[in-house]
Amino acid sequence: MDQNSTYVLKINLLGSPKKARKDIKCFCFDKVIDSDLTNYKDLVESIVEQYSPRYLEVAHVQYYDDVLKIYPEVTSDQELVSMFEKHSKTKVVHMFVAYCDPSEPYEPITEWHSDAHSQPNNIEQDDDDDYLRNPVPENEHVGVDEENIYLEDEPVPLIMVPCSNKEKDKDYVPDHESEAESEVESEDESMFEVEVEEDEEYHEADHAPHIEYNKLDPPMNEGRKYPNMAEFKLALSQHAIKHEFEFDTEKSAPHRFRAYCSRRDEDKCPWRIYASIMEDECTVMVIF
């Protein structure tokens, strides 16, 4: 895993307010991922598979932007890329995943208090209070039918500390690419014999060229250049937001990036983009 693209997601998992336990605000866990190999759909599925919601409930994802002091919602690949770029220095993202009934409107999180994680004593529990309970203190994942979330309430030993931030999901492995895709990738690899060194990636910003462009409406025409890959991805996300479309990431690596319109199959949309690192191993140019 490329250290420069490794992020720690500190996830607060919240259940439906009508069904969640009254004495526990949330269940917290850490998840280590590679931003170059993760898209929005796979990330949500990996969380839902490990911590199953109730029947028909859907997951809503938000994160904390410590610069703007807001909680943006993540619903697409470009918004996920934007989230990673905003935390490219710290490599740590405070994320919120809320399970909600699709028949009810989702109310996004607008504030969060750290002291909300406390577990008060002597609170009367309902039959559904086992919802989102951590099955065992070791955070062991078991089948849905075995988990306590669907059982009647049982005494919970207080040695289980909700919202502890010590557990990390080290078992997540991104889906493998198809054979056809791998063959195409092997051909592409021959075009780039020299990989970017780790040290050079860490210090990329130190020698990045100064390139002027409209940051409110970044151009993505052929030949357009950006100082580095991180700034290109952020510009692409802004470009998609400005022109009101969504894209799916086909390939994201330290030295190249490919994406296509999310409506490619439904609307036969021809839009696609391919960008690559230039000979200075820093500047990114849009190839097409």
C-alpha atoms as a PDB file:
ATOM      1  CA  MET A   1       0.000   0.000   0.000  1.00  0.00           C
ATOM      2  CA  ASP A   2       1.384   3.411  -0.994  1.00  0.00           C
ATOM      3  CA  GLN A   3       2.016   5.362   2.222  1.00  0.00           C
ATOM      4  CA  ASN A   4       1.247   8.622   0.422  1.00  0.00           C
ATOM      5  CA  SER A   5      -2.289   7.446  -0.344  1.00  0.00           C
ATOM      6  CA  THR A   6      -3.000   5.724   2.982  1.00  0.00           C
ATOM      7  CA  TYR A   7      -5.676   7.327   5.140  1.00  0.00           C
ATOM      8  CA  VAL A   8      -7.130   6.524   8.550  1.00  0.00           C
ATOM      9  CA  LEU A   9     -10.899   6.943   8.706  1.00  0.00           C
ATOM     10  CA  LYS A  10     -12.137   7.511  12.251  1.00  0.00           C
ATOM     11  CA  ILE A  11     -15.747   6.461  11.735  1.00  0.00           C
ATOM     12  CA  ASN A  12     -18.692   7.259  14.013  1.00  0.00           C
ATOM     13  CA  LEU A  13     -21.442   4.741  13.204  1.00  0.00           C
ATOM     14  CA  LEU A  14     -24.935   5.990  14.103  1.00  0.00           C
ATOM     15  CA  GLY A  15     -28.207   4.099  14.013  1.00  0.00           C
ATOM     16  CA  SER A  16     -31.710   5.385  13.352  1.00  0.00           C
ATOM     17  CA  PRO A  17     -32.705   7.696  16.256  1.00  0.00           C
ATOM     18  CA  LYS A  18     -35.965   5.750  16.652  1.00  0.00           C
ATOM     19  CA  LYS A  19     -34.241   2.375  16.949  1.00  0.00           C
ATOM     20  CA  ALA A  20     -30.733   3.019  18.260  1.00  0.00           C
ATOM     21  CA  ARG A  21     -29.747   2.420  21.864  1.00  0.00           C
ATOM     22  CA  LYS A  22     -30.576   5.301  24.150  1.00  0.00           C
ATOM     23  CA  ASP A  23     -27.426   5.015  26.290  1.00  0.00           C
ATOM     24  CA  ILE A  24     -24.879   4.940  23.478  1.00  0.00           C
ATOM     25  CA  LYS A  25     -24.549   7.812  21.027  1.00  0.00           C
ATOM     26  CA  CYS A  26     -22.554   5.860  18.457  1.00  0.00           C
ATOM     27  CA  PHE A  27     -20.102   3.035  17.849  1.00  0.00           C
ATOM     28  CA  CYS A  28     -16.629   4.186  16.747  1.00  0.00           C
ATOM     29  CA  PHE A  29     -13.948   2.309  14.865  1.00  0.00           C
ATOM     30  CA  ASP A  30     -10.934   3.045  12.665  1.00  0.00           C
ATOM     31  CA  LYS A  31     -10.563   1.954   9.069  1.00  0.00           C
ATOM     32  CA  VAL A  32      -7.287   2.109   7.119  1.00  0.00           C
ATOM     33  CA  ILE A  33      -7.729   2.495   3.346  1.00  0.00           C
ATOM     34  CA  ASP A  34      -5.776   3.341   0.204  1.00  0.00           C
ATOM     35  CA  SER A  35      -7.402   6.372  -1.440  1.00  0.00           C
ATOM     36  CA  ASP A  36      -6.016   5.369  -4.859  1.00  0.00           C
ATOM     37  CA  LEU A  37      -7.848   2.029  -4.736  1.00  0.00           C
ATOM     38  CA  THR A  38     -11.109   3.081  -3.068  1.00  0.00           C
ATOM     39  CA  ASN A  39     -14.280   4.503  -4.568  1.00  0.00           C
ATOM     40  CA  TYR A  40     -17.466   5.646  -2.856  1.00  0.00           C
ATOM     41  CA  LYS A  41     -19.513   2.511  -3.573  1.00  0.00           C
ATOM     42  CA  ASP A  42     -16.828   0.082  -2.373  1.00  0.00           C
ATOM     43  CA  LEU A  43     -16.182   2.095   0.785  1.00  0.00           C
ATOM     44  CA  VAL A  44     -19.857   2.119   1.813  1.00  0.00           C
ATOM     45  CA  GLU A  45     -20.279  -1.580   0.967  1.00  0.00           C
ATOM     46  CA  SER A  46     -17.230  -2.533   3.060  1.00  0.00           C
ATOM     47  CA  ILE A  47     -18.751  -0.785   6.091  1.00  0.00           C
ATOM     48  CA  VAL A  48     -22.271  -2.140   5.560  1.00  0.00           C
ATOM     49  CA  GLU A  49     -20.980  -5.703   5.112  1.00  0.00           C
ATOM     50  CA  GLN A  50     -19.079  -5.574   8.385  1.00  0.00           C
ATOM     51  CA  TYR A  51     -21.690  -3.652  10.406  1.00  0.00           C
ATOM     52  CA  SER A  52     -25.071  -4.626   8.999  1.00  0.00           C
ATOM     53  CA  PRO A  53     -27.944  -2.116   9.197  1.00  0.00           C
ATOM     54  CA  ARG A  54     -31.561  -3.084   9.793  1.00  0.00           C
ATOM     55  CA  TYR A  55     -33.749  -4.258   6.956  1.00  0.00           C
ATOM     56  CA  LEU A  56     -33.950  -1.698   4.104  1.00  0.00           C
ATOM     57  CA  GLU A  57     -31.938   0.926   5.990  1.00  0.00           C
ATOM     58  CA  VAL A  58     -29.452   2.903   3.887  1.00  0.00           C
ATOM     59  CA  ALA A  59     -26.137   4.481   4.830  1.00  0.00           C
ATOM     60  CA  HIS A  60     -25.467   8.229   4.661  1.00  0.00           C
ATOM     61  CA  VAL A  61     -21.852   9.423   4.795  1.00  0.00           C
ATOM     62  CA  GLN A  62     -20.528  12.744   6.102  1.00  0.00           C
ATOM     63  CA  TYR A  63     -17.156  14.005   7.327  1.00  0.00           C
ATOM     64  CA  TYR A  64     -15.866  16.941   9.327  1.00  0.00           C
ATOM     65  CA  ASP A  65     -14.162  19.757   7.393  1.00  0.00           C
ATOM     66  CA  ASP A  66     -11.980  21.361  10.080  1.00  0.00           C
ATOM     67  CA  VAL A  67     -11.211  24.363   7.830  1.00  0.00           C
ATOM     68  CA  LEU A  68     -14.794  25.395   7.042  1.00  0.00           C
ATOM     69  CA  LYS A  69     -16.138  23.871  10.284  1.00  0.00           C
ATOM     70  CA  ILE A  70     -18.920  22.055   8.448  1.00  0.00           C
ATOM     71  CA  TYR A  71     -20.024  18.453   7.858  1.00  0.00           C
ATOM     72  CA  PRO A  72     -20.179  17.865   4.056  1.00  0.00           C
ATOM     73  CA  GLU A  73     -22.081  14.828   2.788  1.00  0.00           C
ATOM     74  CA  VAL A  74     -20.331  12.315   0.512  1.00  0.00           C
ATOM     75  CA  THR A  75     -22.485  10.764  -2.214  1.00  0.00           C
ATOM     76  CA  SER A  76     -20.117  10.271  -5.171  1.00  0.00           C
ATOM     77  CA  ASP A  77     -16.550   9.493  -6.188  1.00  0.00           C
ATOM     78  CA  GLN A  78     -15.624  13.148  -6.790  1.00  0.00           C
ATOM     79  CA  GLU A  79     -16.866  14.157  -3.347  1.00  0.00           C
ATOM     80  CA  LEU A  80     -14.811  11.317  -1.876  1.00  0.00           C
ATOM     81  CA  VAL A  81     -11.731  12.547  -3.768  1.00  0.00           C
ATOM     82  CA  SER A  82     -12.381  16.064  -2.474  1.00  0.00           C
ATOM     83  CA  MET A  83     -12.567  14.695   1.090  1.00  0.00           C
ATOM     84  CA  PHE A  84      -9.204  12.963   0.724  1.00  0.00           C
ATOM     85  CA  GLU A  85      -7.538  16.045  -0.757  1.00  0.00           C
ATOM     86  CA  LYS A  86      -8.724  18.216   2.134  1.00  0.00           C
ATOM     87  CA  HIS A  87      -6.982  15.832   4.524  1.00  0.00           C
ATOM     88  CA  SER A  88      -3.884  15.114   2.421  1.00  0.00           C
ATOM     89  CA  LYS A  89      -1.566  16.510   5.095  1.00  0.00           C
ATOM     90  CA  THR A  90      -2.962  14.817   8.206  1.00  0.00           C
ATOM     91  CA  LYS A  91      -4.092  11.570   6.474  1.00  0.00           C
ATOM     92  CA  VAL A  92      -6.829  11.327   9.123  1.00  0.00           C
ATOM     93  CA  VAL A  93     -10.530  11.839   8.369  1.00  0.00           C
ATOM     94  CA  HIS A  94     -13.291  12.078  10.982  1.00  0.00           C
ATOM     95  CA  MET A  95     -16.263  10.446   9.255  1.00  0.00           C
ATOM     96  CA  PHE A  96     -19.897   9.842  10.198  1.00  0.00           C
ATOM     97  CA  VAL A  97     -21.989   6.972   8.798  1.00  0.00           C
ATOM     98  CA  ALA A  98     -25.699   7.085   9.694  1.00  0.00           C
ATOM     99  CA  TYR A  99     -28.143   4.235   9.013  1.00  0.00           C
ATOM    100  CA  CYS A 100     -31.596   5.622   8.199  1.00  0.00           C
ATOM    101  CA  ASP A 101     -34.998   4.426   7.048  1.00  0.00           C
ATOM    102  CA  PRO A 102     -35.368   5.399   3.353  1.00  0.00           C
ATOM    103  CA  SER A 103     -39.014   6.323   3.933  1.00  0.00           C
ATOM    104  CA  GLU A 104     -37.948   9.194   6.179  1.00  0.00           C
ATOM    105  CA  PRO A 105     -35.979  12.284   5.086  1.00  0.00           C
ATOM    106  CA  TYR A 106     -32.340  12.216   6.145  1.00  0.00           C
ATOM    107  CA  GLU A 107     -31.332  15.022   8.488  1.00  0.00           C
ATOM    108  CA  PRO A 108     -27.595  15.677   7.985  1.00  0.00           C
ATOM    109  CA  ILE A 109     -25.327  16.180  10.988  1.00  0.00           C
ATOM    110  CA  THR A 110     -24.647  19.879  11.546  1.00  0.00           C
ATOM    111  CA  GLU A 111     -22.777  19.664  14.839  1.00  0.00           C
ATOM    112  CA  TRP A 112     -21.041  17.034  16.940  1.00  0.00           C
ATOM    113  CA  HIS A 113     -19.869  17.164  20.545  1.00  0.00           C
ATOM    114  CA  SER A 114     -17.063  14.908  21.685  1.00  0.00           C
ATOM    115  CA  ASP A 115     -18.681  14.521  25.087  1.00  0.00           C
ATOM    116  CA  ALA A 116     -21.696  12.962  23.370  1.00  0.00           C
ATOM    117  CA  HIS A 117     -19.857   9.595  23.483  1.00  0.00           C
ATOM    118  CA  SER A 118     -20.498   9.120  27.202  1.00  0.00           C
ATOM    119  CA  GLN A 119     -22.470   6.125  28.419  1.00  0.00           C
ATOM    120  CA  PRO A 120     -24.767   7.150  31.314  1.00  0.00           C
ATOM    121  CA  ASN A 121     -25.802   4.569  33.915  1.00  0.00           C
ATOM    122  CA  ASN A 122     -29.252   3.464  35.103  1.00  0.00           C
ATOM    123  CA  ILE A 123     -31.041   4.145  31.822  1.00  0.00           C
ATOM    124  CA  GLU A 124     -34.100   2.058  31.058  1.00  0.00           C
ATOM    125  CA  GLN A 125     -33.612   0.224  27.752  1.00  0.00           C
ATOM    126  CA  ASP A 126     -36.194  -0.708  25.122  1.00  0.00           C
ATOM    127  CA  ASP A 127     -36.462  -4.030  23.320  1.00  0.00           C
ATOM    128  CA  ASP A 128     -34.539  -2.559  20.389  1.00  0.00           C
ATOM    129  CA  ASP A 129     -31.687  -1.180  22.504  1.00  0.00           C
ATOM    130  CA  ASP A 130     -29.259  -3.814  21.215  1.00  0.00           C
ATOM    131  CA  TYR A 131     -29.211  -2.087  17.836  1.00  0.00           C
ATOM    132  CA  LEU A 132     -25.632  -1.398  16.664  1.00  0.00           C
ATOM    133  CA  ARG A 133     -24.160  -3.034  19.763  1.00  0.00           C
ATOM    134  CA  ASN A 134     -20.588  -4.165  19.302  1.00  0.00           C
ATOM    135  CA  PRO A 135     -20.948  -7.973  19.408  1.00  0.00           C
ATOM    136  CA  VAL A 136     -17.734  -8.476  21.444  1.00  0.00           C
ATOM    137  CA  PRO A 137     -15.132  -6.094  22.830  1.00  0.00           C
ATOM    138  CA  GLU A 138     -12.583  -7.403  20.325  1.00  0.00           C
ATOM    139  CA  ASN A 139     -14.775  -6.038  17.514  1.00  0.00           C
ATOM    140  CA  GLU A 140     -15.097  -9.508  16.035  1.00  0.00           C
ATOM    141  CA  HIS A 141     -17.407  -9.621  13.044  1.00  0.00           C
ATOM    142  CA  VAL A 142     -20.014 -12.409  13.022  1.00  0.00           C
ATOM    143  CA  GLY A 143     -22.939 -13.250  10.743  1.00  0.00           C
ATOM    144  CA  VAL A 144     -26.076 -11.118  10.823  1.00  0.00           C
ATOM    145  CA  ASP A 145     -28.150 -13.887  12.363  1.00  0.00           C
ATOM    146  CA  GLU A 146     -25.569 -14.316  15.156  1.00  0.00           C
ATOM    147  CA  GLU A 147     -25.228 -10.666  16.109  1.00  0.00           C
ATOM    148  CA  ASN A 148     -27.080  -9.311  19.134  1.00  0.00           C
ATOM    149  CA  ILE A 149     -28.591  -6.454  17.179  1.00  0.00           C
ATOM    150  CA  TYR A 150     -31.728  -8.490  16.492  1.00  0.00           C
ATOM    151  CA  LEU A 151     -32.019 -10.123  19.918  1.00  0.00           C
ATOM    152  CA  GLU A 152     -33.902  -8.915  22.947  1.00  0.00           C
ATOM    153  CA  ASP A 153     -31.993  -6.735  25.385  1.00  0.00           C
ATOM    154  CA  GLU A 154     -29.375  -8.434  27.532  1.00  0.00           C
ATOM    155  CA  PRO A 155     -27.129  -6.945  30.224  1.00  0.00           C
ATOM    156  CA  VAL A 156     -24.104  -5.297  28.670  1.00  0.00           C
ATOM    157  CA  PRO A 157     -20.819  -5.563  30.582  1.00  0.00           C
ATOM    158  CA  LEU A 158     -19.375  -2.100  31.073  1.00  0.00           C
ATOM    159  CA  ILE A 159     -15.956  -3.302  29.938  1.00  0.00           C
ATOM    160  CA  MET A 160     -17.233  -2.580  26.411  1.00  0.00           C
ATOM    161  CA  VAL A 161     -16.384   1.053  25.768  1.00  0.00           C
ATOM    162  CA  PRO A 162     -18.418   2.586  22.950  1.00  0.00           C
ATOM    163  CA  CYS A 163     -16.614   4.997  20.643  1.00  0.00           C
ATOM    164  CA  SER A 164     -13.152   3.753  21.569  1.00  0.00           C
ATOM    165  CA  ASN A 165     -10.797   4.744  18.790  1.00  0.00           C
ATOM    166  CA  LYS A 166      -8.337   1.900  19.254  1.00  0.00           C
ATOM    167  CA  GLU A 167      -9.789  -0.670  16.883  1.00  0.00           C
ATOM    168  CA  LYS A 168      -8.555  -0.620  13.330  1.00  0.00           C
ATOM    169  CA  ASP A 169      -9.893  -2.540  10.377  1.00  0.00           C
ATOM    170  CA  LYS A 170      -6.752  -4.035   8.859  1.00  0.00           C
ATOM    171  CA  ASP A 171      -8.532  -6.723   6.859  1.00  0.00           C
ATOM    172  CA  TYR A 172     -10.111  -4.565   4.160  1.00  0.00           C
ATOM    173  CA  VAL A 173      -8.821  -5.537   0.748  1.00  0.00           C
ATOM    174  CA  PRO A 174     -10.146  -3.688  -2.342  1.00  0.00           C
ATOM    175  CA  ASP A 175     -11.859  -5.705  -5.048  1.00  0.00           C
ATOM    176  CA  HIS A 176      -9.455  -7.068  -7.642  1.00  0.00           C
ATOM    177  CA  GLU A 177      -9.588  -5.678 -11.130  1.00  0.00           C
ATOM    178  CA  SER A 178     -10.910  -7.859 -13.927  1.00  0.00           C
ATOM    179  CA  GLU A 179      -8.538  -9.819 -16.135  1.00  0.00           C
ATOM    180  CA  ALA A 180      -9.245  -7.588 -19.138  1.00  0.00           C
ATOM    181  CA  GLU A 181      -8.569  -4.508 -17.061  1.00  0.00           C
ATOM    182  CA  SER A 182      -5.357  -6.033 -15.730  1.00  0.00           C
ATOM    183  CA  GLU A 183      -4.136  -6.712 -19.269  1.00  0.00           C
ATOM    184  CA  VAL A 184      -4.790  -3.107 -20.251  1.00  0.00           C
ATOM    185  CA  GLU A 185      -2.991  -1.950 -17.116  1.00  0.00           C
ATOM    186  CA  SER A 186       0.039  -4.092 -17.908  1.00  0.00           C
ATOM    187  CA  GLU A 187       0.257  -2.425 -21.330  1.00  0.00           C
ATOM    188  CA  ASP A 188      -0.016   0.984 -19.715  1.00  0.00           C
ATOM    189  CA  GLU A 189       2.702   0.101 -17.233  1.00  0.00           C
ATOM    190  CA  SER A 190       5.187  -0.285 -20.075  1.00  0.00           C
ATOM    191  CA  MET A 191       4.736   3.440 -20.805  1.00  0.00           C
ATOM    192  CA  PHE A 192       5.987   4.328 -17.356  1.00  0.00           C
ATOM    193  CA  GLU A 193       9.212   2.464 -16.553  1.00  0.00           C
ATOM    194  CA  VAL A 194      10.224   4.783 -13.742  1.00  0.00           C
ATOM    195  CA  GLU A 195       7.927   4.931 -10.706  1.00  0.00           C
ATOM    196  CA  VAL A 196       7.787   8.040  -8.541  1.00  0.00           C
ATOM    197  CA  GLU A 197      10.010   7.523  -5.505  1.00  0.00           C
ATOM    198  CA  GLU A 198       8.327   7.707  -2.101  1.00  0.00           C
ATOM    199  CA  ASP A 199      10.540  10.530  -0.882  1.00  0.00           C
ATOM    200  CA  GLU A 200       9.811  12.533  -4.001  1.00  0.00           C
ATOM    201  CA  GLU A 201       6.087  12.073  -3.484  1.00  0.00           C
ATOM    202  CA  TYR A 202       6.271  13.348   0.064  1.00  0.00           C
ATOM    203  CA  HIS A 203       8.173  16.440  -1.078  1.00  0.00           C
ATOM    204  CA  GLU A 204       6.211  16.914  -4.278  1.00  0.00           C
ATOM    205  CA  ALA A 205       4.721  20.188  -3.101  1.00  0.00           C
ATOM    206  CA  ASP A 206       8.209  21.615  -2.410  1.00  0.00           C
ATOM    207  CA  HIS A 207       9.194  21.753  -6.076  1.00  0.00           C
ATOM    208  CA  ALA A 208       5.770  21.881  -7.728  1.00  0.00           C
ATOM    209  CA  PRO A 209       5.664  24.463 -10.542  1.00  0.00           C
ATOM    210  CA  HIS A 210       3.373  27.472 -10.145  1.00  0.00           C
ATOM    211  CA  ILE A 211       0.527  27.164 -12.660  1.00  0.00           C
ATOM    212  CA  GLU A 212      -2.329  29.667 -12.794  1.00  0.00           C
ATOM    213  CA  TYR A 213      -5.898  28.512 -13.536  1.00  0.00           C
ATOM    214  CA  ASN A 214      -9.481  29.377 -12.601  1.00  0.00           C
ATOM    215  CA  LYS A 215     -10.031  27.457  -9.371  1.00  0.00           C
ATOM    216  CA  LEU A 216     -13.795  28.073  -9.459  1.00  0.00           C
ATOM    217  CA  ASP A 217     -14.079  26.549 -12.940  1.00  0.00           C
ATOM    218  CA  PRO A 218     -10.876  24.562 -13.642  1.00  0.00           C
ATOM    219  CA  PRO A 219     -10.418  23.761 -17.363  1.00  0.00           C
ATOM    220  CA  MET A 220      -9.957  20.124 -18.356  1.00  0.00           C
ATOM    221  CA  ASN A 221      -9.109  20.482 -22.055  1.00  0.00           C
ATOM    222  CA  GLU A 222      -6.335  18.491 -23.743  1.00  0.00           C
ATOM    223  CA  GLY A 223      -2.870  19.777 -22.859  1.00  0.00           C
ATOM    224  CA  ARG A 224      -3.986  21.569 -19.693  1.00  0.00           C
ATOM    225  CA  LYS A 225      -1.393  21.293 -16.897  1.00  0.00           C
ATOM    226  CA  TYR A 226      -1.633  21.202 -13.098  1.00  0.00           C
ATOM    227  CA  PRO A 227       1.160  21.443 -10.510  1.00  0.00           C
ATOM    228  CA  ASN A 228       0.713  17.927  -9.125  1.00  0.00           C
ATOM    229  CA  MET A 229      -1.668  14.954  -9.013  1.00  0.00           C
ATOM    230  CA  ALA A 230      -3.350  16.035  -5.769  1.00  0.00           C
ATOM    231  CA  GLU A 231      -4.215  19.465  -7.151  1.00  0.00           C
ATOM    232  CA  PHE A 232      -5.410  17.937 -10.436  1.00  0.00           C
ATOM    233  CA  LYS A 233      -7.860  15.629  -8.614  1.00  0.00           C
ATOM    234  CA  LEU A 234      -9.204  18.509  -6.561  1.00  0.00           C
ATOM    235  CA  ALA A 235      -9.585  20.615  -9.715  1.00  0.00           C
ATOM    236  CA  LEU A 236     -11.398  17.759 -11.482  1.00  0.00           C
ATOM    237  CA  SER A 237     -13.859  17.466  -8.599  1.00  0.00           C
ATOM    238  CA  GLN A 238     -14.546  21.207  -8.782  1.00  0.00           C
ATOM    239  CA  HIS A 239     -14.910  20.970 -12.583  1.00  0.00           C
ATOM    240  CA  ALA A 240     -17.552  18.241 -12.196  1.00  0.00           C
ATOM    241  CA  ILE A 241     -19.441  20.233  -9.564  1.00  0.00           C
ATOM    242  CA  LYS A 242     -19.331  23.394 -11.704  1.00  0.00           C
ATOM    243  CA  HIS A 243     -20.641  21.620 -14.817  1.00  0.00           C
ATOM    244  CA  GLU A 244     -23.153  19.510 -12.847  1.00  0.00           C
ATOM    245  CA  PHE A 245     -22.108  15.981 -13.722  1.00  0.00           C
ATOM    246  CA  GLU A 246     -20.607  12.999 -11.926  1.00  0.00           C
ATOM    247  CA  PHE A 247     -17.684  10.811 -12.897  1.00  0.00           C
ATOM    248  CA  ASP A 248     -16.469   7.348 -11.927  1.00  0.00           C
ATOM    249  CA  THR A 249     -12.784   6.657 -11.389  1.00  0.00           C
ATOM    250  CA  GLU A 250     -11.388   3.979 -13.701  1.00  0.00           C
ATOM    251  CA  LYS A 251      -7.763   4.199 -12.553  1.00  0.00           C
ATOM    252  CA  SER A 252      -6.106   6.308  -9.876  1.00  0.00           C
ATOM    253  CA  ALA A 253      -2.368   5.997  -9.260  1.00  0.00           C
ATOM    254  CA  PRO A 254       0.444   8.361  -8.234  1.00  0.00           C
ATOM    255  CA  HIS A 255       1.480   8.872 -11.875  1.00  0.00           C
ATOM    256  CA  ARG A 256      -1.774   8.680 -13.861  1.00  0.00           C
ATOM    257  CA  PHE A 257      -5.552   9.070 -13.550  1.00  0.00           C
ATOM    258  CA  ARG A 258      -8.464   7.907 -15.707  1.00  0.00           C
ATOM    259  CA  ALA A 259     -12.186   8.590 -15.264  1.00  0.00           C
ATOM    260  CA  TYR A 260     -15.423   8.499 -17.256  1.00  0.00           C
ATOM    261  CA  CYS A 261     -18.928   9.934 -16.991  1.00  0.00           C
ATOM    262  CA  SER A 262     -21.200   8.125 -14.534  1.00  0.00           C
ATOM    263  CA  ARG A 263     -23.948   8.192 -17.182  1.00  0.00           C
ATOM    264  CA  ARG A 264     -21.763   6.472 -19.769  1.00  0.00           C
ATOM    265  CA  ASP A 265     -23.885   3.343 -19.982  1.00  0.00           C
ATOM    266  CA  GLU A 266     -27.322   4.893 -19.385  1.00  0.00           C
ATOM    267  CA  ASP A 267     -26.989   7.941 -21.662  1.00  0.00           C
ATOM    268  CA  LYS A 268     -24.067   6.876 -23.878  1.00  0.00           C
ATOM    269  CA  CYS A 269     -22.150   9.872 -22.551  1.00  0.00           C
ATOM    270  CA  PRO A 270     -18.755  10.022 -24.316  1.00  0.00           C
ATOM    271  CA  TRP A 271     -16.986  12.165 -21.687  1.00  0.00           C
ATOM    272  CA  ARG A 272     -13.784  10.676 -20.347  1.00  0.00           C
ATOM    273  CA  ILE A 273     -10.437  11.998 -19.152  1.00  0.00           C
ATOM    274  CA  TYR A 274      -6.893  10.726 -18.906  1.00  0.00           C
ATOM    275  CA  ALA A 275      -4.113  12.639 -17.155  1.00  0.00           C
ATOM    276  CA  SER A 276      -0.495  11.682 -16.577  1.00  0.00           C
ATOM    277  CA  ILE A 277       2.630  12.834 -14.735  1.00  0.00           C
ATOM    278  CA  MET A 278       5.142  14.556 -17.034  1.00  0.00           C
ATOM    279  CA  GLU A 279       8.908  14.052 -17.242  1.00  0.00           C
ATOM    280  CA  ASP A 280       9.570  16.295 -14.225  1.00  0.00           C
ATOM    281  CA  GLU A 281       7.701  13.647 -12.160  1.00  0.00           C
ATOM    282  CA  CYS A 282       5.465  16.303 -10.664  1.00  0.00           C
ATOM    283  CA  THR A 283       3.452  18.286 -13.250  1.00  0.00           C
ATOM    284  CA  VAL A 284       0.235  16.622 -14.422  1.00  0.00           C
ATOM    285  CA  MET A 285      -1.049  17.116 -17.981  1.00  0.00           C
ATOM    286  CA  VAL A 286      -4.467  16.231 -19.387  1.00  0.00           C
ATOM    287  CA  ILE A 287      -3.776  13.849 -22.296  1.00  0.00           C
ATOM    288  CA  PHE A 288      -7.409  13.694 -23.487  1.00  0.00           C
END
